Amino acid sequence: MQFSKSNKLANVCYDIRGPVLKHAKRLEEEGHRILKLNIGNPAPFGFEAPDEILQDVIRNLPTAQGYSDSKGLFSARKAVMQYCQQKEIEGVTIEDIYLGNGVSELIVMS
């Protein structure tokens, strides 16, 4: 399956610098609460991993390697593929699925 880059990504900038950051800092100084959802750490916002995932992490720690396949962990990619199948998204194979350490890495890969 061949994927082409979406035109919607043509002007995407994933910078947490520049005018947006300056404006956010100014708003914070004025007393506004800014939710920094771009930093990739969902825990401070109440998003928690399901217990099943935590148990899988604990179970796999003794055999975990320092690096995974460049496309991501096979078991995680397989889970994404199965999700696509459940949603009846046709033509998605395990080789079509890339997982990364956050959106920045995946945008660069695209």
C-alpha atoms as a PDB file:
ATOM      1  CA  MET A   1       0.000   0.000   0.000  1.00  0.00           C
ATOM      2  CA  GLN A   2       1.421   3.367  -1.018  1.00  0.00           C
ATOM      3  CA  PHE A   3       0.717   6.427   1.106  1.00  0.00           C
ATOM      4  CA  SER A   4       1.141   9.956  -0.111  1.00  0.00           C
ATOM      5  CA  LYS A   5       1.717  12.890   2.178  1.00  0.00           C
ATOM      6  CA  SER A   6      -1.471  14.753   2.933  1.00  0.00           C
ATOM      7  CA  ASN A   7      -1.671  18.285   1.547  1.00  0.00           C
ATOM      8  CA  LYS A   8      -2.933  19.241   4.995  1.00  0.00           C
ATOM      9  CA  LEU A   9       0.641  18.756   6.248  1.00  0.00           C
ATOM     10  CA  ALA A  10       2.135  21.131   3.668  1.00  0.00           C
ATOM     11  CA  ASN A  11       2.205  24.118   6.017  1.00  0.00           C
ATOM     12  CA  VAL A  12       2.285  22.292   9.340  1.00  0.00           C
ATOM     13  CA  CYS A  13       4.790  23.671  11.791  1.00  0.00           C
ATOM     14  CA  TYR A  14       5.162  21.869  15.050  1.00  0.00           C
ATOM     15  CA  ASP A  15       7.223  24.492  16.776  1.00  0.00           C
ATOM     16  CA  ILE A  16       6.704  25.314  20.402  1.00  0.00           C
ATOM     17  CA  ARG A  17       8.728  28.445  19.885  1.00  0.00           C
ATOM     18  CA  GLY A  18       8.115  31.763  18.255  1.00  0.00           C
ATOM     19  CA  PRO A  19       5.003  33.928  18.424  1.00  0.00           C
ATOM     20  CA  VAL A  20       2.699  31.232  19.805  1.00  0.00           C
ATOM     21  CA  LEU A  21       5.008  30.558  22.749  1.00  0.00           C
ATOM     22  CA  LYS A  22       5.511  34.278  23.391  1.00  0.00           C
ATOM     23  CA  HIS A  23       1.754  34.848  23.402  1.00  0.00           C
ATOM     24  CA  ALA A  24       1.206  31.884  25.754  1.00  0.00           C
ATOM     25  CA  LYS A  25       3.850  33.206  28.170  1.00  0.00           C
ATOM     26  CA  ARG A  26       2.250  36.648  28.098  1.00  0.00           C
ATOM     27  CA  LEU A  27      -1.156  35.142  28.886  1.00  0.00           C
ATOM     28  CA  GLU A  28       0.364  33.158  31.768  1.00  0.00           C
ATOM     29  CA  GLU A  29       1.940  36.314  33.167  1.00  0.00           C
ATOM     30  CA  GLU A  30      -1.511  37.916  33.052  1.00  0.00           C
ATOM     31  CA  GLY A  31      -2.849  35.084  35.184  1.00  0.00           C
ATOM     32  CA  HIS A  32      -4.393  32.880  32.519  1.00  0.00           C
ATOM     33  CA  ARG A  33      -4.015  29.119  32.857  1.00  0.00           C
ATOM     34  CA  ILE A  34      -2.465  27.603  29.729  1.00  0.00           C
ATOM     35  CA  LEU A  35      -2.834  23.877  29.057  1.00  0.00           C
ATOM     36  CA  LYS A  36       0.373  22.883  27.294  1.00  0.00           C
ATOM     37  CA  LEU A  37      -0.901  19.841  25.455  1.00  0.00           C
ATOM     38  CA  ASN A  38       1.882  20.062  22.888  1.00  0.00           C
ATOM     39  CA  ILE A  39       4.632  18.808  25.185  1.00  0.00           C
ATOM     40  CA  GLY A  40       3.637  15.170  24.881  1.00  0.00           C
ATOM     41  CA  ASN A  41       3.114  14.489  28.564  1.00  0.00           C
ATOM     42  CA  PRO A  42      -0.556  13.667  29.120  1.00  0.00           C
ATOM     43  CA  ALA A  43      -0.228  12.749  32.823  1.00  0.00           C
ATOM     44  CA  PRO A  44      -0.526  16.298  34.236  1.00  0.00           C
ATOM     45  CA  PHE A  45      -3.867  16.632  32.456  1.00  0.00           C
ATOM     46  CA  GLY A  46      -5.447  13.552  34.003  1.00  0.00           C
ATOM     47  CA  PHE A  47      -4.891  11.164  31.108  1.00  0.00           C
ATOM     48  CA  GLU A  48      -3.797   7.813  32.494  1.00  0.00           C
ATOM     49  CA  ALA A  49      -2.750   4.641  30.732  1.00  0.00           C
ATOM     50  CA  PRO A  50      -5.237   1.788  31.092  1.00  0.00           C
ATOM     51  CA  ASP A  51      -4.286  -0.831  33.682  1.00  0.00           C
ATOM     52  CA  GLU A  52      -3.905  -3.436  30.923  1.00  0.00           C
ATOM     53  CA  ILE A  53      -1.123  -1.378  29.333  1.00  0.00           C
ATOM     54  CA  LEU A  54       0.624  -0.816  32.664  1.00  0.00           C
ATOM     55  CA  GLN A  55       0.527  -4.561  33.390  1.00  0.00           C
ATOM     56  CA  ASP A  56       1.937  -5.322  29.927  1.00  0.00           C
ATOM     57  CA  VAL A  57       4.789  -2.869  30.525  1.00  0.00           C
ATOM     58  CA  ILE A  58       5.577  -4.461  33.901  1.00  0.00           C
ATOM     59  CA  ARG A  59       5.433  -7.979  32.426  1.00  0.00           C
ATOM     60  CA  ASN A  60       7.784  -7.076  29.558  1.00  0.00           C
ATOM     61  CA  LEU A  61      10.385  -5.083  31.503  1.00  0.00           C
ATOM     62  CA  PRO A  62      12.742  -8.044  32.108  1.00  0.00           C
ATOM     63  CA  THR A  63      13.091  -8.741  28.383  1.00  0.00           C
ATOM     64  CA  ALA A  64      12.781  -5.204  27.031  1.00  0.00           C
ATOM     65  CA  GLN A  65      15.526  -4.050  24.702  1.00  0.00           C
ATOM     66  CA  GLY A  66      16.992  -0.564  24.502  1.00  0.00           C
ATOM     67  CA  TYR A  67      15.822  -0.055  20.943  1.00  0.00           C
ATOM     68  CA  SER A  68      12.841  -1.315  19.024  1.00  0.00           C
ATOM     69  CA  ASP A  69      12.246  -1.755  15.334  1.00  0.00           C
ATOM     70  CA  SER A  70      12.383   1.603  13.553  1.00  0.00           C
ATOM     71  CA  LYS A  71       8.666   1.293  12.759  1.00  0.00           C
ATOM     72  CA  GLY A  72       7.807   0.679  16.419  1.00  0.00           C
ATOM     73  CA  LEU A  73       7.108  -2.342  18.590  1.00  0.00           C
ATOM     74  CA  PHE A  74       5.616  -5.197  16.593  1.00  0.00           C
ATOM     75  CA  SER A  75       2.969  -5.982  19.228  1.00  0.00           C
ATOM     76  CA  ALA A  76       1.827  -2.353  19.310  1.00  0.00           C
ATOM     77  CA  ARG A  77       1.748  -2.141  15.511  1.00  0.00           C
ATOM     78  CA  LYS A  78      -0.269  -5.368  15.440  1.00  0.00           C
ATOM     79  CA  ALA A  79      -2.756  -3.865  17.913  1.00  0.00           C
ATOM     80  CA  VAL A  80      -3.142  -0.812  15.656  1.00  0.00           C
ATOM     81  CA  MET A  81      -3.706  -3.081  12.665  1.00  0.00           C
ATOM     82  CA  GLN A  82      -6.349  -5.059  14.566  1.00  0.00           C
ATOM     83  CA  TYR A  83      -8.043  -1.797  15.542  1.00  0.00           C
ATOM     84  CA  CYS A  84      -8.152  -0.801  11.869  1.00  0.00           C
ATOM     85  CA  GLN A  85      -9.677  -4.171  11.028  1.00  0.00           C
ATOM     86  CA  GLN A  86     -12.338  -3.738  13.730  1.00  0.00           C
ATOM     87  CA  LYS A  87     -13.164  -0.333  12.252  1.00  0.00           C
ATOM     88  CA  GLU A  88     -13.355  -1.996   8.811  1.00  0.00           C
ATOM     89  CA  ILE A  89     -10.534   0.124   7.399  1.00  0.00           C
ATOM     90  CA  GLU A  90      -9.416  -1.910   4.410  1.00  0.00           C
ATOM     91  CA  GLY A  91      -5.910  -2.507   3.129  1.00  0.00           C
ATOM     92  CA  VAL A  92      -3.904  -1.664   6.255  1.00  0.00           C
ATOM     93  CA  THR A  93      -1.114  -4.161   6.880  1.00  0.00           C
ATOM     94  CA  ILE A  94       1.419  -4.288   9.680  1.00  0.00           C
ATOM     95  CA  GLU A  95       4.009  -2.880   7.252  1.00  0.00           C
ATOM     96  CA  ASP A  96       1.888   0.252   6.763  1.00  0.00           C
ATOM     97  CA  ILE A  97       1.975   1.153  10.461  1.00  0.00           C
ATOM     98  CA  TYR A  98       4.639   3.384  11.984  1.00  0.00           C
ATOM     99  CA  LEU A  99       4.713   4.311  15.669  1.00  0.00           C
ATOM    100  CA  GLY A 100       6.907   6.997  17.167  1.00  0.00           C
ATOM    101  CA  ASN A 101       7.907   8.768  20.322  1.00  0.00           C
ATOM    102  CA  GLY A 102       5.457  11.573  19.741  1.00  0.00           C
ATOM    103  CA  VAL A 103       3.992  13.566  16.938  1.00  0.00           C
ATOM    104  CA  SER A 104       7.205  15.521  16.232  1.00  0.00           C
ATOM    105  CA  GLU A 105       9.080  12.369  15.294  1.00  0.00           C
ATOM    106  CA  LEU A 106       6.243  11.129  13.099  1.00  0.00           C
ATOM    107  CA  ILE A 107       5.876  14.473  11.305  1.00  0.00           C
ATOM    108  CA  VAL A 108       9.595  14.400  10.491  1.00  0.00           C
ATOM    109  CA  MET A 109       9.260  10.809   9.238  1.00  0.00           C
ATOM    110  CA  SER A 110       6.353  11.768   6.989  1.00  0.00           C
END
